[in-house]
Amino acid sequence: MSRRIRSTATALAAAGLVVVGLSPAASAQSLAGTVGSSGSAGAVGLETAPLALPSIPGLAPVVTIPVPAPHRPAIDAAVASVYPTGGEIVGVAQPVMITFDRPVTDRAAAEATVGVRTAPAVSGKYYWTSDTELRWRPHEFWPAGTAVTVWAGGAEHTFRTGDAVVSTYDDATHEVTVTRNGEVVRVMKASAGRDTYPTYNGTYYNGWRAREVHMDSSTWGLSRAAGGYDTVVQDGVRLSYDGIFVHSAPWSVADQGVRNVSHGCINLSPEDAAWYYDNTRNGDPFIVVNGPGKHFGAFDGQGDWNY
C-alpha cells in the first residue's frame, strides 16, 4: 500500500469509515487527489468513483475518490438533468435517467460522454427511451446499499440504494406481499384491474407520489358516462406513466383479497395504502404475477425491467 493510500485510509478510518474495496473502475487506480463526497475531483483528467464501505447506519452519503477519466467526446446536446438527484436514497429497481436539452442524433457518442461507477461492482446497460433521454440500469436489481457515482455533463452525481424492498401482487390470492431484504414485512389484501381493464403482469417500480392524486379517466379516452371516473384518491404511488397507481380505495375494501374491480390500479385499504406510501421509496420494485392481463409490454416510462 502506498503512503498516499495509507493516509487516505487513515483519514477515512478517523471519520468512522473503513475502506473494504473498490469498484472495477477504481480498484486499479491510485487514490491521488483529495477525497470528497460531491462535486468534481478538482483536477484535469480526473473524475470520481465511489468507495465500497461497510454497512453504515442511516446510509451515510456516498464517499468518492478521484480516478483517471477516459476520453469523453463532445456532442451538440447538453445534459439538462440527472436522476436520481445527488444524495438521494432510492429503491433497488431505480434506473439512472439522463435527459439532454435537445434531440441526440449520435447516441453512441452521447453514451460515451457518460460514466456510471458503482460499489460494489455491478454490470448493466444503456438504453434510450426517447431522442432526449438516456438511461442505465443494472442487469439485475441493484444490491441493497450500493453506492453509485454518475458522471454526466461535466459533473458528478452520487446516490445510494436503500434496502431491497420488493412488493409482489399475486392475482391468485389478491394479496400484496412486501419483503425487506428477503424478509416478509407485510401482507395486504388488494384488488387489481377487472376483466375489461386487467393489470398487466410484469415488473413495475415506484415513481412519483402524492398524498392526493386527481384521477380522470377521460385523459385516456374513457368518459364518466361510459363507466369512467373523475376523483381524488389518497396515498397514490405511480407504477406506470399510463396511470397505474397503488392507492387507497375505501370503496373497494370488501372486494380486496377477493376479486378485481379497478380500472387497472392496485387498490388497498386506507391503512395499507398509507403504510405503503410511508414505507417504500422511489425505485422500489412492484411485481404483478398470475393475472389475466398480458405482459407489461410497450415501454411507457416505468417498464424498464420488462426488456
Protein backbone atom coordinates (compact mmCIF):
# COMPACT_ATOMS: atom_id res chain seq x y z
CA MET A 1 0.00 0.00 0.00
CA SER A 2 1.41 3.40 -0.98
CA ARG A 3 1.86 6.22 1.52
CA ARG A 4 -0.99 8.16 -0.13
CA ILE A 5 -3.37 5.19 0.03
CA ARG A 6 -2.40 4.60 3.68
CA SER A 7 -3.05 8.24 4.55
CA THR A 8 -6.41 8.21 2.78
CA ALA A 9 -7.45 5.02 4.53
CA THR A 10 -6.33 6.53 7.86
CA ALA A 11 -8.42 9.64 7.23
CA LEU A 12 -11.46 7.53 6.42
CA ALA A 13 -10.93 5.38 9.49
CA ALA A 14 -10.72 8.51 11.63
CA ALA A 15 -14.10 9.53 10.25
CA GLY A 16 -15.51 6.15 11.23
CA LEU A 17 -15.29 4.69 7.72
CA VAL A 18 -13.22 1.68 6.66
CA VAL A 19 -12.23 1.02 3.08
CA VAL A 20 -13.13 -2.54 2.13
CA GLY A 21 -12.82 -2.45 -1.66
CA LEU A 22 -13.36 -0.51 -4.85
CA SER A 23 -15.45 -0.93 -7.97
CA PRO A 24 -13.53 -2.20 -11.04
CA ALA A 25 -13.27 1.34 -12.38
CA ALA A 26 -11.48 2.41 -9.23
CA SER A 27 -9.77 -0.73 -7.98
CA ALA A 28 -6.70 -0.42 -10.21
CA GLN A 29 -6.37 3.34 -9.79
CA SER A 30 -4.31 5.45 -7.46
CA LEU A 31 -6.04 7.43 -4.74
CA ALA A 32 -4.25 10.56 -5.96
CA GLY A 33 -6.07 13.75 -5.09
CA THR A 34 -8.47 14.60 -2.30
CA VAL A 35 -11.34 12.52 -1.04
CA GLY A 36 -14.74 14.17 -1.47
CA SER A 37 -18.42 13.33 -1.36
CA SER A 38 -19.69 15.70 -4.04
CA GLY A 39 -18.54 17.86 -6.93
CA SER A 40 -15.80 17.07 -9.41
CA ALA A 41 -12.42 15.68 -8.47
CA GLY A 42 -11.00 19.13 -8.97
CA ALA A 43 -8.15 18.12 -11.27
CA VAL A 44 -7.71 17.91 -15.02
CA GLY A 45 -8.24 14.39 -16.36
CA LEU A 46 -9.84 13.09 -13.18
CA GLU A 47 -13.35 12.02 -12.33
CA THR A 48 -14.59 10.22 -9.25
CA ALA A 49 -15.69 6.75 -8.22
CA PRO A 50 -17.48 5.59 -5.06
CA LEU A 51 -15.70 3.79 -2.27
CA ALA A 52 -17.14 0.45 -1.18
CA LEU A 53 -17.87 0.90 2.51
CA PRO A 54 -19.31 -1.42 5.14
CA SER A 55 -22.94 -1.14 6.17
CA ILE A 56 -23.45 2.29 7.69
CA PRO A 57 -26.41 3.02 10.00
CA GLY A 58 -28.63 5.56 8.30
CA LEU A 59 -26.78 5.13 4.99
CA ALA A 60 -24.17 7.90 5.10
CA PRO A 61 -23.54 9.98 1.94
CA VAL A 62 -21.51 8.35 -0.81
CA VAL A 63 -17.76 8.86 -0.33
CA THR A 64 -15.80 9.13 -3.57
CA ILE A 65 -12.20 9.11 -4.74
CA PRO A 66 -10.59 10.66 -7.84
CA VAL A 67 -9.81 8.28 -10.73
CA PRO A 68 -8.37 8.93 -14.20
CA ALA A 69 -11.11 9.97 -16.64
CA PRO A 70 -11.50 8.25 -20.02
CA HIS A 71 -11.76 10.34 -23.17
CA ARG A 72 -15.28 11.72 -23.43
CA PRO A 73 -16.32 13.12 -26.84
CA ALA A 74 -18.02 16.48 -27.27
CA ILE A 75 -21.60 16.42 -28.54
CA ASP A 76 -24.03 19.16 -29.52
CA ALA A 77 -26.54 18.37 -26.77
CA ALA A 78 -26.06 19.31 -23.13
CA VAL A 79 -27.21 17.40 -20.05
CA ALA A 80 -30.37 19.03 -18.71
CA SER A 81 -30.96 16.75 -15.70
CA VAL A 82 -29.82 13.59 -13.96
CA TYR A 83 -31.98 11.37 -11.77
CA PRO A 84 -31.60 10.14 -9.03
CA THR A 85 -30.68 13.51 -7.60
CA GLY A 86 -27.48 13.97 -5.64
CA GLY A 87 -27.52 12.40 -2.21
CA GLU A 88 -30.83 10.60 -2.77
CA ILE A 89 -31.56 7.10 -1.47
CA VAL A 90 -33.64 5.05 -3.93
CA GLY A 91 -35.00 1.56 -4.39
CA VAL A 92 -33.14 -1.32 -5.98
CA ALA A 93 -35.08 -1.10 -9.29
CA GLN A 94 -34.38 2.58 -9.94
CA PRO A 95 -32.63 3.26 -13.29
CA VAL A 96 -30.29 6.19 -13.88
CA MET A 97 -32.12 8.76 -16.06
CA ILE A 98 -30.14 11.34 -18.05
CA THR A 99 -32.09 13.96 -20.01
CA PHE A 100 -30.47 16.07 -22.74
CA ASP A 101 -31.62 19.56 -23.70
CA ARG A 102 -32.23 18.62 -27.36
CA PRO A 103 -32.61 15.51 -29.53
CA VAL A 104 -29.45 13.42 -29.78
CA THR A 105 -28.51 12.12 -33.23
CA ASP A 106 -25.32 10.25 -32.33
CA ARG A 107 -26.43 8.02 -29.47
CA ALA A 108 -23.15 6.13 -29.19
CA ALA A 109 -21.23 9.40 -28.74
CA ALA A 110 -23.75 10.57 -26.13
CA GLU A 111 -23.35 7.33 -24.19
CA ALA A 112 -19.57 7.80 -24.27
CA THR A 113 -19.95 11.17 -22.53
CA VAL A 114 -21.50 9.43 -19.50
CA GLY A 115 -19.86 7.31 -16.83
CA VAL A 116 -21.54 5.10 -14.21
CA ARG A 117 -19.38 3.68 -11.41
CA THR A 118 -20.66 1.60 -8.54
CA ALA A 119 -19.51 -0.01 -5.32
CA PRO A 120 -19.96 -2.92 -5.10
CA ALA A 121 -19.39 -3.53 -8.79
CA VAL A 122 -22.48 -4.26 -10.90
CA SER A 123 -22.83 -4.70 -14.65
CA GLY A 124 -25.56 -3.00 -16.61
CA LYS A 125 -26.67 -1.48 -19.90
CA TYR A 126 -27.52 1.80 -21.61
CA TYR A 127 -30.83 2.23 -23.44
CA TRP A 128 -32.87 5.13 -24.79
CA THR A 129 -36.50 5.97 -24.02
CA SER A 130 -36.59 8.89 -26.49
CA ASP A 131 -34.22 11.06 -28.55
CA THR A 132 -33.56 13.14 -25.43
CA GLU A 133 -33.49 10.57 -22.59
CA LEU A 134 -30.71 8.05 -21.96
CA ARG A 135 -30.99 5.50 -19.17
CA TRP A 136 -28.70 2.99 -17.49
CA ARG A 137 -29.71 0.12 -15.23
CA PRO A 138 -28.02 -2.98 -13.87
CA HIS A 139 -28.87 -6.31 -15.47
CA GLU A 140 -30.40 -7.38 -12.15
CA PHE A 141 -31.77 -5.28 -9.30
CA TRP A 142 -29.14 -3.19 -7.51
CA PRO A 143 -27.70 -4.78 -4.36
CA ALA A 144 -29.04 -3.07 -1.24
CA GLY A 145 -26.78 -0.25 -0.10
CA THR A 146 -24.99 0.22 -3.45
CA ALA A 147 -23.06 3.49 -3.80
CA VAL A 148 -23.35 4.99 -7.30
CA THR A 149 -21.48 7.81 -8.99
CA VAL A 150 -22.77 9.14 -12.31
CA TRP A 151 -20.51 11.41 -14.34
CA ALA A 152 -22.61 13.42 -16.79
CA GLY A 153 -22.47 16.93 -18.18
CA GLY A 154 -19.05 17.51 -16.66
CA ALA A 155 -20.26 16.96 -13.10
CA GLU A 156 -20.52 14.20 -10.54
CA HIS A 157 -23.88 12.95 -9.27
CA THR A 158 -23.88 10.47 -6.38
CA PHE A 159 -26.68 8.46 -4.82
CA ARG A 160 -27.22 5.24 -2.90
CA THR A 161 -29.73 2.41 -2.93
CA GLY A 162 -31.52 1.57 0.29
CA ASP A 163 -32.86 -1.76 1.49
CA ALA A 164 -34.21 -4.23 -1.06
CA VAL A 165 -37.94 -3.57 -0.57
CA VAL A 166 -39.81 -5.73 -3.09
CA SER A 167 -43.61 -5.90 -3.36
CA THR A 168 -45.45 -8.63 -5.26
CA TYR A 169 -49.14 -8.64 -6.15
CA ASP A 170 -50.32 -12.23 -6.78
CA ASP A 171 -53.64 -12.28 -8.62
CA ALA A 172 -54.20 -15.87 -7.50
CA THR A 173 -54.53 -14.70 -3.89
CA HIS A 174 -55.38 -11.00 -4.44
CA GLU A 175 -52.66 -10.06 -1.97
CA VAL A 176 -49.59 -7.82 -1.98
CA THR A 177 -46.61 -9.28 -0.13
CA VAL A 178 -43.84 -6.85 0.81
CA THR A 179 -40.35 -8.09 1.67
CA ARG A 180 -37.40 -6.14 3.04
CA ASN A 181 -34.04 -7.75 2.31
CA GLY A 182 -35.81 -11.07 1.80
CA GLU A 183 -37.94 -10.99 4.95
CA VAL A 184 -41.72 -10.61 4.73
CA VAL A 185 -42.76 -7.38 6.49
CA ARG A 186 -46.41 -7.02 5.43
CA VAL A 187 -49.15 -8.87 3.54
CA MET A 188 -52.03 -6.71 2.28
CA LYS A 189 -55.35 -7.59 0.68
CA ALA A 190 -55.71 -5.92 -2.71
CA SER A 191 -57.84 -5.60 -5.82
CA ALA A 192 -56.38 -5.09 -9.30
CA GLY A 193 -57.83 -4.41 -12.77
CA ARG A 194 -61.11 -6.10 -13.60
CA ASP A 195 -61.62 -8.21 -16.73
CA THR A 196 -62.12 -5.27 -19.10
CA TYR A 197 -59.04 -3.44 -17.74
CA PRO A 198 -56.67 -6.16 -16.45
CA THR A 199 -53.45 -5.09 -14.74
CA TYR A 200 -50.50 -6.25 -16.85
CA ASN A 201 -48.16 -8.87 -15.43
CA GLY A 202 -44.53 -7.85 -15.06
CA THR A 203 -42.13 -5.69 -13.08
CA TYR A 204 -43.00 -2.09 -12.27
CA TYR A 205 -41.29 0.29 -9.84
CA ASN A 206 -42.42 3.18 -7.65
CA GLY A 207 -42.31 6.61 -9.23
CA TRP A 208 -43.95 9.95 -8.47
CA ARG A 209 -46.22 10.01 -5.44
CA ALA A 210 -48.62 12.35 -3.66
CA ARG A 211 -50.95 12.23 -0.68
CA GLU A 212 -53.76 13.30 -3.02
CA VAL A 213 -53.87 12.33 -6.70
CA HIS A 214 -56.54 13.56 -9.11
CA MET A 215 -57.55 10.73 -11.43
CA ASP A 216 -59.61 11.40 -14.56
CA SER A 217 -60.27 8.51 -16.96
CA SER A 218 -61.14 10.93 -19.78
CA THR A 219 -57.41 11.61 -20.12
CA TRP A 220 -57.05 8.11 -21.60
CA GLY A 221 -60.32 8.07 -23.51
CA LEU A 222 -62.92 6.72 -21.07
CA SER A 223 -65.74 9.15 -20.22
CA ARG A 224 -67.67 9.01 -16.98
CA ALA A 225 -70.81 8.21 -18.98
CA ALA A 226 -69.06 5.11 -20.32
CA GLY A 227 -68.10 3.87 -16.85
CA GLY A 228 -65.11 6.10 -16.19
CA TYR A 229 -64.17 8.21 -13.17
CA ASP A 230 -63.08 11.68 -12.09
CA THR A 231 -62.00 11.56 -8.48
CA VAL A 232 -59.23 12.27 -5.98
CA VAL A 233 -57.52 9.30 -4.31
CA GLN A 234 -55.32 9.25 -1.23
CA ASP A 235 -51.74 7.98 -0.86
CA GLY A 236 -51.07 7.39 -4.54
CA VAL A 237 -47.77 5.89 -5.75
CA ARG A 238 -47.35 5.72 -9.54
CA LEU A 239 -46.26 2.44 -11.13
CA SER A 240 -46.56 3.39 -14.81
CA TYR A 241 -46.70 6.51 -16.93
CA ASP A 242 -50.07 5.45 -18.33
CA GLY A 243 -51.70 5.80 -14.92
CA ILE A 244 -51.32 2.60 -12.89
CA PHE A 245 -51.05 3.55 -9.20
CA VAL A 246 -51.03 1.82 -5.86
CA HIS A 247 -53.57 3.85 -3.86
CA SER A 248 -56.17 3.92 -1.13
CA ALA A 249 -59.59 2.65 -2.22
CA PRO A 250 -62.03 2.61 0.72
CA TRP A 251 -64.90 1.91 -1.71
CA SER A 252 -63.45 -1.50 -2.65
CA VAL A 253 -62.34 -2.81 0.77
CA ALA A 254 -64.96 -5.60 0.61
CA ASP A 255 -63.52 -6.71 -2.74
CA GLN A 256 -59.87 -6.56 -1.72
CA GLY A 257 -58.47 -10.03 -1.26
CA VAL A 258 -61.47 -11.43 -3.16
CA ARG A 259 -61.85 -10.07 -6.70
CA ASN A 260 -60.57 -7.45 -9.14
CA VAL A 261 -62.74 -4.35 -9.54
CA SER A 262 -60.40 -1.49 -10.55
CA HIS A 263 -59.56 0.07 -13.92
CA GLY A 264 -56.01 -1.29 -13.59
CA CYS A 265 -54.72 0.27 -10.38
CA ILE A 266 -53.80 -1.69 -7.26
CA ASN A 267 -56.49 -0.89 -4.67
CA LEU A 268 -55.57 -1.10 -0.99
CA SER A 269 -57.39 -0.26 2.23
CA PRO A 270 -56.70 3.26 3.59
CA GLU A 271 -54.50 1.80 6.35
CA ASP A 272 -52.46 -0.37 3.97
CA ALA A 273 -52.13 2.38 1.35
CA ALA A 274 -50.80 4.80 3.99
CA TRP A 275 -48.34 2.14 5.15
CA TYR A 276 -47.14 1.52 1.58
CA TYR A 277 -46.72 5.24 0.97
CA ASP A 278 -44.72 5.71 4.18
CA ASN A 279 -42.54 2.60 3.97
CA THR A 280 -41.40 2.49 0.34
CA ARG A 281 -39.14 4.67 -1.82
CA ASN A 282 -38.93 5.77 -5.42
CA GLY A 283 -37.43 2.87 -7.35
CA ASP A 284 -38.73 0.08 -5.11
CA PRO A 285 -39.91 -2.75 -7.41
CA PHE A 286 -43.54 -3.82 -7.61
CA ILE A 287 -44.17 -7.14 -9.38
CA VAL A 288 -47.51 -8.42 -10.70
CA VAL A 289 -47.90 -12.17 -11.26
CA ASN A 290 -50.62 -14.68 -12.21
CA GLY A 291 -53.01 -12.07 -13.59
CA PRO A 292 -55.24 -12.41 -16.66
CA GLY A 293 -53.60 -9.38 -18.28
CA LYS A 294 -50.85 -9.62 -20.86
CA HIS A 295 -47.20 -8.91 -20.10
CA PHE A 296 -46.31 -5.29 -19.31
CA GLY A 297 -45.04 -4.67 -22.82
CA ALA A 298 -44.80 -1.41 -24.76
CA PHE A 299 -42.38 0.89 -22.99
CA ASP A 300 -44.28 3.59 -21.11
CA GLY A 301 -41.58 5.07 -18.89
CA GLN A 302 -41.54 2.67 -15.92
CA GLY A 303 -41.39 -0.65 -17.74
CA ASP A 304 -37.58 -0.76 -17.78
CA TRP A 305 -37.32 -4.23 -16.24
CA ASN A 306 -39.51 -5.97 -18.82
CA TYR A 307 -36.93 -5.73 -21.65
